[in-house]
Structure formats: C-alpha cells, structure tokens
Amino acid sequence: LNKKIRLQRKQWLQKQKVLFDLDKMKHKIRHLQGRRVGSMGPASMVPTKRPIQPVVVAGGWTEPSPEEVKLMEDVQSMEMHLSEVQAVLMKERPSIYSKLASSQRPLYSQPNVKRVLAYLNGDFPDQGAYAWGKTIQELLENCTARLKLRCTAKILFSPDGEQITSWERIERDMLVCVSLGEPFMTSTASRQKVEVRANYARVRKEQGHEATNIVITSRINPKPQVEAPSPFLALLPARDINE
C-alpha cells in the first residue's frame, strides 16, 4: 500500500512539474509576442518560384521569431501529449477519470489538441507543414502562420476534396488541404491554370492586346424572295396548269 501511495505521489509531482513548465513557456511566449508587437519592425518582400504565391512577406512585427515558434511547438506538443495521456487513463479507469474530467479545475481540463499536416490548396502535399489547434478556427490561424500565407486561411479540405466543417472529422496527423476561400484544386489543375494564364500573357505580349479579344458575330440569314402566283393561274383549268 505504501509503495502504491509513493508511486501515485511521484506521478502527481511529475504532472505538477509538467504543468508548471507548460505555464512557464506560455508566459514566456506572451512576453516575446509583446516585444515583437511593440517593436513594429518593417517587413520585406521575398520572391519565390511558386506560381500560386510568387511573393512572400518575411520578417516584420507580424512574423513570430524562431524562439517564439520553437516555444509554440513545444507547448503544442506538450498539450497534445497530456491530452493523449488523459485519453489513455480514461480508457483504463473510466469510473475515476470521468469524474476528474468533469471537474472545473484546470489541472484536469486539458485541451483536445490535434496536429495535422497542412498544405496549400493547389500545391503538392510534400510542401506542407505541421499545424496544431484545439478548434477549426484555431487550426486555420495556425495554418496561416505555419504556411506563411498572404491571407487568412478560411476552408479546410480533405485530400479527396471534401470540405471539413466538424472538429470531430479531424484526426491526429491527418493530411488536410488549406484554402484561402477558393474551391478545392489539385496540383495538376493548378499547373494547368497557371499555364493558361502564362499562354494568355504571352500572346498579348507578342501579338498585342487585340489578339485575345475574341468577338463572335452571327450571320443574318437573308430573307427569301418569294414571288406571288400570277392571278391568271386561277382562271386556267387544272389540266392546262399541269401541262
């Protein structure tokens, strides 16, 4: 019995230390964010070779520092680990941990953090990055920061193009497609769209702006000229008309 009590006390102390470190890292992140916003440093435009996003905004007060990103990843990984441990304990002893889960104390109310591999709509999946979140809105905001998008991400799609609207449909470490509001598009369709735009611009540059002005005109059918029958035909018998 004493051994069991010592083991429980040891586990409780370990959990207290993890939660203390978690709060400490969150506090440090808030300080770094305050310093970054207070500095109001200007950003720079960096060209890329991606046709969908040819220019990326780098630096500035809106971009988190490497130290801040590292702390955010550590916090999200720790929260996800605590959530997984809590789920395992709930399965092993549901009668005890169901009461703990319903408690209002922050010690046992760990967030349901999920990590996904997100990539931009129209890109290849291997160009994605990991993102975390406890809700769909938080996941979209984290995807915007992780993928360095020019606008806020608005829609999540599954790899087969089905829109994700429920948090329960998102599984840990699943592949999701992030859209800025446009419909789902595969990488092949995106390349074809870029090629069409490139051909359009090339034709206008080589042959002038009028080369792409396509005008379709319909021909008007002329009215047939039908002569009225002679009034003398009505006076002749049918036999004479046939002859």
C-alpha atoms as a PDB file:
ATOM      1  CA  LEU A   1       0.000   0.000   0.000  1.00  0.00           C
ATOM      2  CA  ASN A   2       2.819   2.397   0.869  1.00  0.00           C
ATOM      3  CA  LYS A   3       4.518   1.605  -2.432  1.00  0.00           C
ATOM      4  CA  LYS A   4       1.334   2.407  -4.325  1.00  0.00           C
ATOM      5  CA  ILE A   5       0.938   5.687  -2.463  1.00  0.00           C
ATOM      6  CA  ARG A   6       4.549   6.645  -3.182  1.00  0.00           C
ATOM      7  CA  LEU A   7       4.055   5.825  -6.868  1.00  0.00           C
ATOM      8  CA  GLN A   8       0.911   7.938  -7.057  1.00  0.00           C
ATOM      9  CA  ARG A   9       2.658  10.801  -5.302  1.00  0.00           C
ATOM     10  CA  LYS A  10       5.587  10.548  -7.709  1.00  0.00           C
ATOM     11  CA  GLN A  11       3.259  10.621 -10.717  1.00  0.00           C
ATOM     12  CA  TRP A  12       1.373  13.573  -9.269  1.00  0.00           C
ATOM     13  CA  LEU A  13       4.614  15.502  -8.729  1.00  0.00           C
ATOM     14  CA  GLN A  14       5.710  14.746 -12.283  1.00  0.00           C
ATOM     15  CA  LYS A  15       2.413  16.028 -13.619  1.00  0.00           C
ATOM     16  CA  GLN A  16       2.699  19.150 -11.494  1.00  0.00           C
ATOM     17  CA  LYS A  17       6.171  19.789 -12.897  1.00  0.00           C
ATOM     18  CA  VAL A  18       4.935  19.351 -16.481  1.00  0.00           C
ATOM     19  CA  LEU A  19       2.042  21.748 -15.910  1.00  0.00           C
ATOM     20  CA  PHE A  20       4.369  24.257 -14.258  1.00  0.00           C
ATOM     21  CA  ASP A  21       6.768  24.099 -17.224  1.00  0.00           C
ATOM     22  CA  LEU A  22       3.808  24.488 -19.576  1.00  0.00           C
ATOM     23  CA  ASP A  23       2.608  27.647 -17.828  1.00  0.00           C
ATOM     24  CA  LYS A  24       6.168  28.968 -17.772  1.00  0.00           C
ATOM     25  CA  MET A  25       6.574  28.522 -21.535  1.00  0.00           C
ATOM     26  CA  LYS A  26       3.207  30.172 -22.207  1.00  0.00           C
ATOM     27  CA  HIS A  27       4.245  33.116 -20.054  1.00  0.00           C
ATOM     28  CA  LYS A  28       7.496  33.441 -21.993  1.00  0.00           C
ATOM     29  CA  ILE A  29       5.605  33.316 -25.306  1.00  0.00           C
ATOM     30  CA  ARG A  30       3.390  36.188 -24.180  1.00  0.00           C
ATOM     31  CA  HIS A  31       6.474  38.249 -23.333  1.00  0.00           C
ATOM     32  CA  LEU A  32       8.053  37.541 -26.726  1.00  0.00           C
ATOM     33  CA  GLN A  33       4.830  38.437 -28.516  1.00  0.00           C
ATOM     34  CA  GLY A  34       4.604  41.705 -26.606  1.00  0.00           C
ATOM     35  CA  ARG A  35       8.164  42.654 -27.510  1.00  0.00           C
ATOM     36  CA  ARG A  36       7.611  41.746 -31.165  1.00  0.00           C
ATOM     37  CA  VAL A  37       4.428  43.791 -31.458  1.00  0.00           C
ATOM     38  CA  GLY A  38       5.966  46.684 -29.554  1.00  0.00           C
ATOM     39  CA  SER A  39       8.975  46.896 -31.858  1.00  0.00           C
ATOM     40  CA  MET A  40       6.794  47.357 -35.011  1.00  0.00           C
ATOM     41  CA  GLY A  41       9.652  46.288 -37.278  1.00  0.00           C
ATOM     42  CA  PRO A  42       9.093  46.602 -41.053  1.00  0.00           C
ATOM     43  CA  ALA A  43       8.672  43.527 -43.245  1.00  0.00           C
ATOM     44  CA  SER A  44      10.362  42.649 -46.542  1.00  0.00           C
ATOM     45  CA  MET A  45       9.049  41.046 -49.744  1.00  0.00           C
ATOM     46  CA  VAL A  46      10.895  37.879 -50.773  1.00  0.00           C
ATOM     47  CA  PRO A  47      10.304  36.409 -54.281  1.00  0.00           C
ATOM     48  CA  THR A  48       9.635  32.684 -54.638  1.00  0.00           C
ATOM     49  CA  LYS A  49       9.380  30.197 -57.501  1.00  0.00           C
ATOM     50  CA  ARG A  50       5.847  29.136 -56.616  1.00  0.00           C
ATOM     51  CA  PRO A  51       3.284  30.313 -59.204  1.00  0.00           C
ATOM     52  CA  ILE A  52       0.457  30.376 -56.674  1.00  0.00           C
ATOM     53  CA  GLN A  53       2.332  32.599 -54.220  1.00  0.00           C
ATOM     54  CA  PRO A  54       5.132  34.394 -56.103  1.00  0.00           C
ATOM     55  CA  VAL A  55       5.968  36.766 -53.229  1.00  0.00           C
ATOM     56  CA  VAL A  56       6.239  36.012 -49.511  1.00  0.00           C
ATOM     57  CA  VAL A  57       6.241  38.588 -46.737  1.00  0.00           C
ATOM     58  CA  ALA A  58       9.217  37.863 -44.482  1.00  0.00           C
ATOM     59  CA  GLY A  59      10.200  39.425 -41.204  1.00  0.00           C
ATOM     60  CA  GLY A  60       8.425  42.318 -39.592  1.00  0.00           C
ATOM     61  CA  TRP A  61       6.438  42.519 -36.391  1.00  0.00           C
ATOM     62  CA  THR A  62       3.723  40.174 -37.710  1.00  0.00           C
ATOM     63  CA  GLU A  63       6.074  37.187 -38.118  1.00  0.00           C
ATOM     64  CA  PRO A  64       6.961  35.221 -34.970  1.00  0.00           C
ATOM     65  CA  SER A  65      10.622  34.904 -34.103  1.00  0.00           C
ATOM     66  CA  PRO A  66      12.364  31.488 -34.270  1.00  0.00           C
ATOM     67  CA  GLU A  67      12.448  31.323 -30.473  1.00  0.00           C
ATOM     68  CA  GLU A  68       8.731  32.045 -30.324  1.00  0.00           C
ATOM     69  CA  VAL A  69       7.955  29.386 -32.946  1.00  0.00           C
ATOM     70  CA  LYS A  70      10.059  26.834 -31.065  1.00  0.00           C
ATOM     71  CA  LEU A  71       8.232  27.573 -27.814  1.00  0.00           C
ATOM     72  CA  MET A  72       4.849  27.333 -29.537  1.00  0.00           C
ATOM     73  CA  GLU A  73       5.773  23.932 -30.965  1.00  0.00           C
ATOM     74  CA  ASP A  74       6.914  22.727 -27.538  1.00  0.00           C
ATOM     75  CA  VAL A  75       3.709  23.956 -25.914  1.00  0.00           C
ATOM     76  CA  GLN A  76       1.509  22.348 -28.544  1.00  0.00           C
ATOM     77  CA  SER A  77       3.420  19.066 -28.369  1.00  0.00           C
ATOM     78  CA  MET A  78       3.167  19.034 -24.580  1.00  0.00           C
ATOM     79  CA  GLU A  79      -0.558  19.791 -24.642  1.00  0.00           C
ATOM     80  CA  MET A  80      -1.115  17.071 -27.218  1.00  0.00           C
ATOM     81  CA  HIS A  81       0.867  14.597 -25.094  1.00  0.00           C
ATOM     82  CA  LEU A  82      -1.159  15.455 -21.995  1.00  0.00           C
ATOM     83  CA  SER A  83      -4.369  15.041 -23.968  1.00  0.00           C
ATOM     84  CA  GLU A  84      -3.287  11.606 -25.206  1.00  0.00           C
ATOM     85  CA  VAL A  85      -2.272  10.500 -21.696  1.00  0.00           C
ATOM     86  CA  GLN A  86      -5.610  11.671 -20.348  1.00  0.00           C
ATOM     87  CA  ALA A  87      -7.430   9.682 -23.050  1.00  0.00           C
ATOM     88  CA  VAL A  88      -5.475   6.526 -22.172  1.00  0.00           C
ATOM     89  CA  LEU A  89      -6.250   6.929 -18.480  1.00  0.00           C
ATOM     90  CA  MET A  90      -9.919   7.451 -19.286  1.00  0.00           C
ATOM     91  CA  LYS A  91      -9.976   4.107 -21.103  1.00  0.00           C
ATOM     92  CA  GLU A  92      -8.163   2.266 -18.313  1.00  0.00           C
ATOM     93  CA  ARG A  93     -10.185   3.644 -15.401  1.00  0.00           C
ATOM     94  CA  PRO A  94     -13.268   5.401 -16.786  1.00  0.00           C
ATOM     95  CA  SER A  95     -15.167   5.487 -13.487  1.00  0.00           C
ATOM     96  CA  ILE A  96     -12.482   7.548 -11.747  1.00  0.00           C
ATOM     97  CA  TYR A  97     -11.294   9.774 -14.563  1.00  0.00           C
ATOM     98  CA  SER A  98     -14.777  10.594 -15.786  1.00  0.00           C
ATOM     99  CA  LYS A  99     -15.258  12.485 -12.529  1.00  0.00           C
ATOM    100  CA  LEU A 100     -11.892  14.169 -12.932  1.00  0.00           C
ATOM    101  CA  ALA A 101     -12.704  15.176 -16.490  1.00  0.00           C
ATOM    102  CA  SER A 102     -15.946  16.794 -15.373  1.00  0.00           C
ATOM    103  CA  SER A 103     -14.129  18.793 -12.716  1.00  0.00           C
ATOM    104  CA  GLN A 104     -13.727  22.519 -13.310  1.00  0.00           C
ATOM    105  CA  ARG A 105     -10.167  22.610 -12.041  1.00  0.00           C
ATOM    106  CA  PRO A 106      -7.621  23.450 -14.768  1.00  0.00           C
ATOM    107  CA  LEU A 107      -5.389  20.627 -13.515  1.00  0.00           C
ATOM    108  CA  TYR A 108      -7.570  18.027 -15.238  1.00  0.00           C
ATOM    109  CA  SER A 109      -9.176  20.028 -18.050  1.00  0.00           C
ATOM    110  CA  GLN A 110      -6.508  19.599 -20.692  1.00  0.00           C
ATOM    111  CA  PRO A 111      -7.338  20.836 -24.217  1.00  0.00           C
ATOM    112  CA  ASN A 112      -8.030  18.446 -27.066  1.00  0.00           C
ATOM    113  CA  VAL A 113      -5.082  19.473 -29.232  1.00  0.00           C
ATOM    114  CA  LYS A 114      -4.677  17.842 -32.632  1.00  0.00           C
ATOM    115  CA  ARG A 115      -1.755  18.027 -35.021  1.00  0.00           C
ATOM    116  CA  VAL A 116      -2.264  17.852 -38.791  1.00  0.00           C
ATOM    117  CA  LEU A 117      -0.072  18.077 -41.877  1.00  0.00           C
ATOM    118  CA  ALA A 118      -1.442  21.042 -43.833  1.00  0.00           C
ATOM    119  CA  TYR A 119      -0.619  22.107 -47.386  1.00  0.00           C
ATOM    120  CA  LEU A 120      -1.883  24.959 -49.537  1.00  0.00           C
ATOM    121  CA  ASN A 121      -4.689  24.373 -52.000  1.00  0.00           C
ATOM    122  CA  GLY A 122      -3.158  23.573 -55.397  1.00  0.00           C
ATOM    123  CA  ASP A 123       0.267  22.650 -54.012  1.00  0.00           C
ATOM    124  CA  PHE A 124       1.832  19.248 -53.530  1.00  0.00           C
ATOM    125  CA  PRO A 125       1.266  17.591 -50.137  1.00  0.00           C
ATOM    126  CA  ASP A 126       5.016  17.254 -49.565  1.00  0.00           C
ATOM    127  CA  GLN A 127       5.237  21.069 -49.448  1.00  0.00           C
ATOM    128  CA  GLY A 128       3.089  21.211 -46.321  1.00  0.00           C
ATOM    129  CA  ALA A 129       3.890  21.883 -42.683  1.00  0.00           C
ATOM    130  CA  TYR A 130       2.597  20.669 -39.347  1.00  0.00           C
ATOM    131  CA  ALA A 131      -0.032  22.768 -37.576  1.00  0.00           C
ATOM    132  CA  TRP A 132      -1.855  22.442 -34.266  1.00  0.00           C
ATOM    133  CA  GLY A 133      -5.164  23.545 -32.853  1.00  0.00           C
ATOM    134  CA  LYS A 134      -7.989  22.848 -30.413  1.00  0.00           C
ATOM    135  CA  THR A 135     -10.729  24.079 -32.765  1.00  0.00           C
ATOM    136  CA  ILE A 136     -11.126  24.543 -36.511  1.00  0.00           C
ATOM    137  CA  GLN A 137     -10.714  28.311 -36.195  1.00  0.00           C
ATOM    138  CA  GLU A 138      -7.524  27.958 -34.169  1.00  0.00           C
ATOM    139  CA  LEU A 139      -6.219  25.383 -36.640  1.00  0.00           C
ATOM    140  CA  LEU A 140      -6.885  27.762 -39.552  1.00  0.00           C
ATOM    141  CA  GLU A 141      -5.000  30.554 -37.781  1.00  0.00           C
ATOM    142  CA  ASN A 142      -2.069  28.253 -37.070  1.00  0.00           C
ATOM    143  CA  CYS A 143      -2.051  27.052 -40.696  1.00  0.00           C
ATOM    144  CA  THR A 144      -1.876  30.683 -41.837  1.00  0.00           C
ATOM    145  CA  ALA A 145       1.205  31.257 -39.707  1.00  0.00           C
ATOM    146  CA  ARG A 146       2.909  27.938 -40.451  1.00  0.00           C
ATOM    147  CA  LEU A 147       2.399  28.128 -44.234  1.00  0.00           C
ATOM    148  CA  LYS A 148       3.139  31.893 -44.303  1.00  0.00           C
ATOM    149  CA  LEU A 149       0.025  32.661 -46.313  1.00  0.00           C
ATOM    150  CA  ARG A 150      -0.682  36.139 -47.649  1.00  0.00           C
ATOM    151  CA  CYS A 151      -4.296  35.939 -46.387  1.00  0.00           C
ATOM    152  CA  THR A 152      -6.061  34.154 -43.570  1.00  0.00           C
ATOM    153  CA  ALA A 153      -6.943  30.529 -44.264  1.00  0.00           C
ATOM    154  CA  LYS A 154     -10.708  30.041 -44.415  1.00  0.00           C
ATOM    155  CA  ILE A 155     -11.548  26.487 -45.531  1.00  0.00           C
ATOM    156  CA  LEU A 156     -10.174  23.018 -44.810  1.00  0.00           C
ATOM    157  CA  PHE A 157     -10.478  20.169 -47.298  1.00  0.00           C
ATOM    158  CA  SER A 158      -9.654  16.503 -47.113  1.00  0.00           C
ATOM    159  CA  PRO A 159      -7.152  15.181 -49.712  1.00  0.00           C
ATOM    160  CA  ASP A 160     -10.063  13.982 -51.876  1.00  0.00           C
ATOM    161  CA  GLY A 161     -11.670  17.450 -51.955  1.00  0.00           C
ATOM    162  CA  GLU A 162     -14.380  17.087 -49.304  1.00  0.00           C
ATOM    163  CA  GLN A 163     -14.824  20.157 -47.102  1.00  0.00           C
ATOM    164  CA  ILE A 164     -14.189  19.681 -43.376  1.00  0.00           C
ATOM    165  CA  THR A 165     -16.682  21.532 -41.193  1.00  0.00           C
ATOM    166  CA  SER A 166     -16.627  19.475 -37.984  1.00  0.00           C
ATOM    167  CA  TRP A 167     -13.774  19.188 -35.499  1.00  0.00           C
ATOM    168  CA  GLU A 168     -14.629  15.521 -34.902  1.00  0.00           C
ATOM    169  CA  ARG A 169     -13.714  14.729 -38.511  1.00  0.00           C
ATOM    170  CA  ILE A 170     -10.143  15.875 -37.968  1.00  0.00           C
ATOM    171  CA  GLU A 171      -7.842  13.106 -36.824  1.00  0.00           C
ATOM    172  CA  ARG A 172      -4.364  13.437 -35.416  1.00  0.00           C
ATOM    173  CA  ASP A 173      -1.568  13.624 -38.013  1.00  0.00           C
ATOM    174  CA  MET A 174      -4.046  13.587 -40.910  1.00  0.00           C
ATOM    175  CA  LEU A 175      -3.399  15.382 -44.199  1.00  0.00           C
ATOM    176  CA  VAL A 176      -5.543  18.475 -44.803  1.00  0.00           C
ATOM    177  CA  CYS A 177      -5.726  20.982 -47.644  1.00  0.00           C
ATOM    178  CA  VAL A 178      -5.910  24.660 -46.667  1.00  0.00           C
ATOM    179  CA  SER A 179      -7.793  27.100 -48.880  1.00  0.00           C
ATOM    180  CA  LEU A 180      -7.986  30.893 -48.836  1.00  0.00           C
ATOM    181  CA  GLY A 181     -11.632  30.698 -49.892  1.00  0.00           C
ATOM    182  CA  GLU A 182     -11.370  29.240 -53.391  1.00  0.00           C
ATOM    183  CA  PRO A 183     -12.755  25.783 -54.307  1.00  0.00           C
ATOM    184  CA  PHE A 184     -10.646  22.658 -53.952  1.00  0.00           C
ATOM    185  CA  MET A 185      -7.972  22.295 -56.622  1.00  0.00           C
ATOM    186  CA  THR A 186      -5.450  19.550 -57.244  1.00  0.00           C
ATOM    187  CA  SER A 187      -1.830  20.249 -58.104  1.00  0.00           C
ATOM    188  CA  THR A 188      -2.443  19.168 -61.719  1.00  0.00           C
ATOM    189  CA  ALA A 189      -5.375  21.550 -62.129  1.00  0.00           C
ATOM    190  CA  SER A 190      -3.330  24.322 -60.554  1.00  0.00           C
ATOM    191  CA  ARG A 191      -0.497  23.824 -63.048  1.00  0.00           C
ATOM    192  CA  GLN A 192      -2.956  23.853 -65.943  1.00  0.00           C
ATOM    193  CA  LYS A 193      -4.451  27.095 -64.675  1.00  0.00           C
ATOM    194  CA  VAL A 194      -1.007  28.663 -64.433  1.00  0.00           C
ATOM    195  CA  GLU A 195      -0.156  27.506 -67.971  1.00  0.00           C
ATOM    196  CA  VAL A 196      -3.358  29.034 -69.342  1.00  0.00           C
ATOM    197  CA  ARG A 197      -2.534  32.350 -67.700  1.00  0.00           C
ATOM    198  CA  ALA A 198       1.040  32.201 -68.990  1.00  0.00           C
ATOM    199  CA  ASN A 199      -0.109  31.490 -72.554  1.00  0.00           C
ATOM    200  CA  TYR A 200      -2.637  34.310 -72.336  1.00  0.00           C
ATOM    201  CA  ALA A 201       0.032  36.773 -71.195  1.00  0.00           C
ATOM    202  CA  ARG A 202       2.493  35.540 -73.843  1.00  0.00           C
ATOM    203  CA  VAL A 203       0.002  36.011 -76.684  1.00  0.00           C
ATOM    204  CA  ARG A 204      -0.887  39.518 -75.541  1.00  0.00           C
ATOM    205  CA  LYS A 205       2.788  40.428 -75.312  1.00  0.00           C
ATOM    206  CA  GLU A 206       3.779  39.035 -78.713  1.00  0.00           C
ATOM    207  CA  GLN A 207       0.700  39.860 -80.797  1.00  0.00           C
ATOM    208  CA  GLY A 208      -0.829  42.769 -78.939  1.00  0.00           C
ATOM    209  CA  HIS A 209      -3.833  43.215 -76.717  1.00  0.00           C
ATOM    210  CA  GLU A 210      -6.266  42.760 -79.591  1.00  0.00           C
ATOM    211  CA  ALA A 211      -5.089  39.187 -80.164  1.00  0.00           C
ATOM    212  CA  THR A 212      -7.034  37.976 -77.144  1.00  0.00           C
ATOM    213  CA  ASN A 213     -10.170  39.975 -77.881  1.00  0.00           C
ATOM    214  CA  ILE A 214     -12.353  37.274 -79.348  1.00  0.00           C
ATOM    215  CA  VAL A 215     -15.507  38.602 -80.992  1.00  0.00           C
ATOM    216  CA  ILE A 216     -18.182  36.230 -82.224  1.00  0.00           C
ATOM    217  CA  THR A 217     -20.694  37.515 -84.772  1.00  0.00           C
ATOM    218  CA  SER A 218     -23.625  35.606 -86.195  1.00  0.00           C
ATOM    219  CA  ARG A 219     -24.583  35.785 -89.845  1.00  0.00           C
ATOM    220  CA  ILE A 220     -28.071  37.019 -90.607  1.00  0.00           C
ATOM    221  CA  ASN A 221     -29.957  34.687 -92.909  1.00  0.00           C
ATOM    222  CA  PRO A 222     -31.247  36.593 -95.947  1.00  0.00           C
ATOM    223  CA  LYS A 223     -34.974  36.657 -96.399  1.00  0.00           C
ATOM    224  CA  PRO A 224     -36.041  34.503 -99.343  1.00  0.00           C
ATOM    225  CA  GLN A 225     -37.701  36.375-102.178  1.00  0.00           C
ATOM    226  CA  VAL A 226     -40.966  34.580-102.906  1.00  0.00           C
ATOM    227  CA  GLU A 227     -42.991  35.822-105.853  1.00  0.00           C
ATOM    228  CA  ALA A 228     -46.734  35.823-105.599  1.00  0.00           C
ATOM    229  CA  PRO A 229     -48.519  33.465-108.035  1.00  0.00           C
ATOM    230  CA  SER A 230     -49.967  35.004-111.143  1.00  0.00           C
ATOM    231  CA  PRO A 231     -53.712  35.718-110.983  1.00  0.00           C
ATOM    232  CA  PHE A 232     -54.140  34.147-114.436  1.00  0.00           C
ATOM    233  CA  LEU A 233     -53.378  30.681-112.996  1.00  0.00           C
ATOM    234  CA  ALA A 234     -56.661  30.717-111.157  1.00  0.00           C
ATOM    235  CA  LEU A 235     -58.570  31.130-114.477  1.00  0.00           C
ATOM    236  CA  LEU A 236     -56.962  28.141-116.186  1.00  0.00           C
ATOM    237  CA  PRO A 237     -58.236  24.591-115.659  1.00  0.00           C
ATOM    238  CA  ALA A 238     -56.091  22.197-113.677  1.00  0.00           C
ATOM    239  CA  ARG A 239     -55.242  20.165-116.806  1.00  0.00           C
ATOM    240  CA  ASP A 240     -53.752  23.216-118.533  1.00  0.00           C
ATOM    241  CA  ILE A 241     -51.723  24.139-115.482  1.00  0.00           C
ATOM    242  CA  ASN A 242     -50.159  20.670-115.317  1.00  0.00           C
ATOM    243  CA  GLU A 243     -49.288  20.822-118.998  1.00  0.00           C
END
